[in-house]
Protein backbone atom coordinates (compact mmCIF):
# COMPACT_ATOMS: atom_id res chain seq x y z
CA MET A 1 -65.71 22.62 55.69
CA ASN A 2 -66.37 24.44 58.95
CA ASP A 3 -69.81 24.96 60.40
CA TYR A 4 -70.53 28.64 60.83
CA THR A 5 -71.72 29.10 64.42
CA HIS A 6 -71.21 32.81 65.04
CA ASN A 7 -74.22 34.29 66.75
CA SER A 8 -75.48 36.77 64.19
CA GLY A 9 -74.69 39.37 61.59
CA ASP A 10 -73.70 41.61 64.49
CA ASP A 11 -70.74 39.34 65.16
CA ALA A 12 -69.59 39.58 61.54
CA LEU A 13 -69.94 43.35 61.65
CA LYS A 14 -67.86 43.60 64.85
CA ARG A 15 -65.10 41.45 63.36
CA LEU A 16 -65.08 43.46 60.16
CA GLN A 17 -64.97 46.75 62.04
CA ALA A 18 -62.11 45.47 64.21
CA VAL A 19 -60.07 44.51 61.13
CA ARG A 20 -60.75 47.86 59.51
CA GLN A 21 -59.66 49.60 62.70
CA ARG A 22 -56.39 47.65 62.54
CA THR A 23 -55.78 48.58 58.91
CA ASP A 24 -56.65 52.22 59.58
CA ALA A 25 -54.26 52.34 62.54
CA ALA A 26 -51.50 50.68 60.50
CA CYS A 27 -52.02 53.18 57.68
CA HIS A 28 -51.86 56.06 60.16
CA GLN A 29 -48.62 54.67 61.62
CA ALA A 30 -47.17 54.33 58.11
CA ARG A 31 -48.39 57.83 57.15
CA ARG A 32 -50.64 56.42 54.46
CA GLU A 33 -54.26 57.15 53.61
CA SER A 34 -56.67 54.47 54.82
CA HIS A 35 -58.26 54.11 51.40
CA THR A 36 -54.96 52.83 49.97
CA VAL A 37 -55.40 49.44 51.68
CA SER A 38 -58.30 47.09 50.99
CA VAL A 39 -59.35 44.00 52.96
CA LEU A 40 -59.80 40.68 51.19
CA ALA A 41 -61.83 38.29 53.35
CA VAL A 42 -60.32 34.80 53.05
CA SER A 43 -63.29 32.48 53.36
CA LYS A 44 -61.65 29.13 52.59
CA THR A 45 -63.18 26.21 54.53
CA TRP A 46 -66.09 28.41 55.68
CA PRO A 47 -69.57 27.77 54.28
CA ALA A 48 -71.67 30.07 52.15
CA ALA A 49 -73.55 31.16 55.28
CA ALA A 50 -70.35 32.68 56.67
CA VAL A 51 -69.72 34.60 53.45
CA HIS A 52 -73.35 35.74 53.42
CA GLY A 53 -73.03 37.09 56.95
CA MET A 54 -69.82 38.95 56.16
CA ALA A 55 -71.32 40.33 52.94
CA MET A 56 -74.35 41.59 54.84
CA ALA A 57 -71.90 43.35 57.18
CA GLY A 58 -70.50 45.23 54.20
CA GLN A 59 -67.60 43.12 52.93
CA THR A 60 -67.58 42.74 49.14
CA SER A 61 -64.33 40.92 48.25
CA PHE A 62 -63.67 37.28 49.16
CA GLY A 63 -60.67 35.02 48.60
CA GLU A 64 -60.75 31.27 48.09
CA ASN A 65 -57.81 28.85 48.11
CA TYR A 66 -59.59 25.70 46.98
CA ILE A 67 -61.05 26.11 43.52
CA GLN A 68 -64.04 23.77 43.52
CA GLU A 69 -65.06 24.89 47.01
CA GLY A 70 -64.74 28.48 45.86
CA VAL A 71 -66.84 27.93 42.74
CA ASP A 72 -69.58 26.32 44.83
CA LYS A 73 -69.68 29.43 47.03
CA VAL A 74 -69.64 31.81 44.06
CA VAL A 75 -72.72 30.06 42.70
CA ALA A 76 -74.44 29.91 46.10
CA LEU A 77 -73.87 33.59 46.88
CA ARG A 78 -75.11 34.71 43.47
CA ALA A 79 -78.37 32.98 44.31
CA LEU A 80 -78.49 34.34 47.87
CA LEU A 81 -77.52 37.93 46.95
CA PRO A 82 -78.50 38.47 43.31
CA ASP A 83 -78.55 42.25 43.72
CA ARG A 84 -75.24 42.47 45.57
CA PRO A 85 -72.43 41.30 43.29
CA LEU A 86 -69.37 40.14 45.19
CA VAL A 87 -65.80 40.14 43.91
CA TRP A 88 -64.15 36.72 44.02
CA HIS A 89 -60.38 36.21 44.22
CA CYS A 90 -58.63 32.89 43.62
CA ILE A 91 -55.63 32.93 45.93
CA GLY A 92 -54.61 29.26 45.95
CA PRO A 93 -52.44 27.14 43.66
CA ILE A 94 -53.91 26.39 40.24
CA GLN A 95 -53.37 23.15 38.35
CA SER A 96 -53.81 23.11 34.59
CA ASN A 97 -57.02 21.07 34.80
CA LYS A 98 -58.64 23.75 36.98
CA THR A 99 -57.92 26.85 34.91
CA LYS A 100 -61.28 26.72 33.11
CA LEU A 101 -63.18 26.82 36.41
CA VAL A 102 -61.10 29.78 37.56
CA ALA A 103 -61.48 31.62 34.25
CA GLU A 104 -65.25 31.16 34.26
CA HIS A 105 -66.05 32.03 37.89
CA PHE A 106 -63.44 34.29 39.49
CA ASP A 107 -62.76 38.00 39.04
CA TRP A 108 -59.16 38.00 40.28
CA VAL A 109 -56.31 35.48 40.44
CA HIS A 110 -53.42 36.12 42.82
CA SER A 111 -51.52 32.87 42.32
CA VAL A 112 -50.25 32.85 38.73
CA ASP A 113 -46.66 31.62 38.86
CA ARG A 114 -45.98 30.31 35.34
CA LEU A 115 -46.83 31.28 31.79
CA LYS A 116 -48.76 28.09 30.97
CA ILE A 117 -51.38 28.88 33.61
CA ALA A 118 -51.68 32.49 32.44
CA GLN A 119 -52.12 31.39 28.83
CA ARG A 120 -54.87 28.93 29.73
CA LEU A 121 -56.68 31.52 31.85
CA SER A 122 -56.53 33.97 28.95
CA GLU A 123 -57.78 31.43 26.41
CA GLN A 124 -60.58 30.17 28.68
CA ARG A 125 -61.90 33.51 29.93
CA PRO A 126 -65.50 33.80 28.62
CA SER A 127 -65.95 36.67 26.18
CA HIS A 128 -68.94 38.09 28.06
CA LEU A 129 -66.88 38.64 31.23
CA GLN A 130 -64.51 41.47 31.96
CA ALA A 131 -60.81 40.71 31.79
CA LEU A 132 -59.42 38.60 34.62
CA GLN A 133 -57.37 40.66 37.09
CA VAL A 134 -54.04 38.92 37.73
CA CYS A 135 -51.24 39.07 40.27
CA VAL A 136 -47.99 37.17 39.90
CA GLN A 137 -47.24 35.04 42.94
CA VAL A 138 -43.57 35.58 43.77
CA ASN A 139 -41.54 33.21 45.93
CA ILE A 140 -39.95 36.11 47.75
CA ASP A 141 -37.89 33.86 50.07
CA GLN A 142 -36.61 31.63 47.25
CA ALA A 143 -37.69 28.58 49.27
CA ALA A 144 -37.54 25.35 47.25
CA THR A 145 -40.77 24.03 48.75
CA LYS A 146 -42.91 27.14 48.19
CA SER A 147 -45.15 28.10 45.30
CA GLY A 148 -44.44 31.18 43.26
CA SER A 149 -42.27 32.47 40.49
CA SER A 150 -38.62 32.98 41.36
CA LEU A 151 -37.36 36.52 41.75
CA GLY A 152 -35.26 36.05 38.65
CA ASP A 153 -38.18 34.92 36.48
CA ALA A 154 -40.97 37.11 37.87
CA THR A 155 -40.39 40.21 35.74
CA ALA A 156 -40.37 38.29 32.46
CA LEU A 157 -43.55 36.49 33.52
CA ALA A 158 -45.21 39.80 34.38
CA GLN A 159 -44.35 41.18 30.93
CA GLN A 160 -45.74 38.05 29.26
CA ILE A 161 -48.99 38.28 31.24
CA HIS A 162 -49.29 41.97 30.35
CA ALA A 163 -49.24 41.00 26.66
CA LEU A 164 -52.01 38.38 26.90
CA PRO A 165 -55.60 39.18 25.95
CA ASN A 166 -58.38 38.78 28.53
CA LEU A 167 -55.97 39.34 31.43
CA VAL A 168 -55.00 42.54 33.24
CA LEU A 169 -51.73 42.48 35.18
CA ARG A 170 -52.36 44.12 38.55
CA GLY A 171 -49.28 43.35 40.64
CA ILE A 172 -47.63 40.94 43.05
CA MET A 173 -48.80 38.46 45.66
CA CYS A 174 -46.40 36.96 48.18
CA ILE A 175 -46.43 34.87 51.35
CA PRO A 176 -43.10 35.38 53.13
CA ASP A 177 -41.78 32.87 55.63
CA SER A 178 -43.00 33.53 59.15
CA VAL A 179 -40.45 35.54 61.11
CA GLU A 180 -40.42 36.98 64.61
CA GLY A 181 -40.51 40.71 65.19
CA PHE A 182 -42.13 43.60 63.38
CA ASP A 183 -38.95 44.89 61.74
CA ALA A 184 -38.07 41.44 60.37
CA GLN A 185 -41.60 41.08 58.97
CA VAL A 186 -41.37 44.48 57.29
CA ALA A 187 -37.99 43.60 55.78
CA ALA A 188 -39.43 40.41 54.26
CA PHE A 189 -42.34 42.27 52.68
CA GLU A 190 -40.06 45.02 51.41
CA ARG A 191 -38.41 42.54 49.04
CA ALA A 192 -41.74 42.31 47.21
CA THR A 193 -42.21 46.07 47.35
CA ALA A 194 -38.80 46.62 45.73
CA LEU A 195 -39.71 44.30 42.86
CA PHE A 196 -43.09 46.01 42.50
CA LYS A 197 -41.39 49.40 42.17
CA GLN A 198 -39.02 47.98 39.56
CA TRP A 199 -42.01 46.91 37.49
CA GLN A 200 -43.55 50.37 37.75
CA GLN A 201 -40.27 51.99 36.71
CA ALA A 202 -40.14 49.59 33.75
CA GLY A 203 -43.51 50.85 32.57
CA LEU A 204 -45.81 48.12 33.86
CA ALA A 205 -49.02 49.72 35.15
CA VAL A 206 -49.26 47.67 38.34
CA ASP A 207 -51.15 48.92 41.38
CA THR A 208 -51.65 45.94 43.70
CA LEU A 209 -49.40 44.46 46.38
CA SER A 210 -51.32 41.53 47.84
CA MET A 211 -49.46 40.78 51.06
CA GLY A 212 -50.15 40.47 54.74
CA MET A 213 -52.56 38.28 56.71
CA SER A 214 -54.22 38.33 60.12
CA GLY A 215 -50.94 37.95 62.01
CA ASP A 216 -48.73 40.34 60.08
CA MET A 217 -50.97 42.84 58.29
CA GLU A 218 -49.47 45.82 60.13
CA ALA A 219 -45.97 44.96 58.90
CA ALA A 220 -47.27 44.41 55.38
CA ILE A 221 -49.01 47.79 55.36
CA SER A 222 -45.85 49.45 56.66
CA ALA A 223 -44.00 47.89 53.71
CA GLY A 224 -46.55 49.10 51.17
CA SER A 225 -49.26 46.45 50.90
CA THR A 226 -52.41 47.59 49.12
CA MET A 227 -54.48 44.47 49.88
CA VAL A 228 -54.36 42.34 53.03
CA ARG A 229 -55.75 38.80 52.93
CA VAL A 230 -57.58 38.27 56.23
CA GLY A 231 -59.19 35.01 57.31
CA THR A 232 -58.84 34.21 61.00
CA ALA A 233 -59.47 37.76 62.23
CA LEU A 234 -62.75 37.86 60.30
CA PHE A 235 -64.08 34.32 60.55
CA GLY A 236 -62.26 32.78 63.51
CA ALA A 237 -59.79 29.92 63.74
CA ARG A 238 -60.22 27.19 61.15
CA GLN A 239 -60.71 23.58 62.15
CA TYR A 240 -59.47 21.10 59.58
CA ALA A 241 -60.62 17.52 59.43
CA GLY A 242 -58.06 14.83 60.05
């Protein structure tokens, strides 16, 4: 995990303001209201101190890819900020043996791609917690090596999740292949937007398109994203061991 060496809370505030300025400008360009896009701070590999600094700057929602690391930070931040509840999103792949941890500690899951995982999350969600908010991860490029439900299976999975207790279907998450050029990026995201609109027309009460990251958030917002997952622009470049 990275050491957090930013100078102060002022640095976190400046980074957060810069990201919000980018999302506001992208919304203006797309003729959308700024409030229709939220920022999810992706804090994977960063320590609890980094999350604390960003929370003190005003950020409330955080995304974690690695489940045990995320749970450790959920617990640490509850102790550090007992009067400031944060919203925790699991955005990484989930194996069956980790569903209980996710169900017990996270508020949202963006990476449900098969019914078995959804069923386990529903069964293992503690009764004293609110329903788990769920997005279906869709393999929008149909790449054999990528996680996510296929386009052909995604709608049926969404309907099955909608019927499960203790879960609330919120929408779609996708990570398109990296492409060059704004128009090409928009076109990739629009495949998810088209599916999202199909779900709405079919009567599914979905409201969340989780798409776009630090490098392509403007294109995602142009295509209709309601939640951008931002790591590098908020915390800096990650340094992985190895």
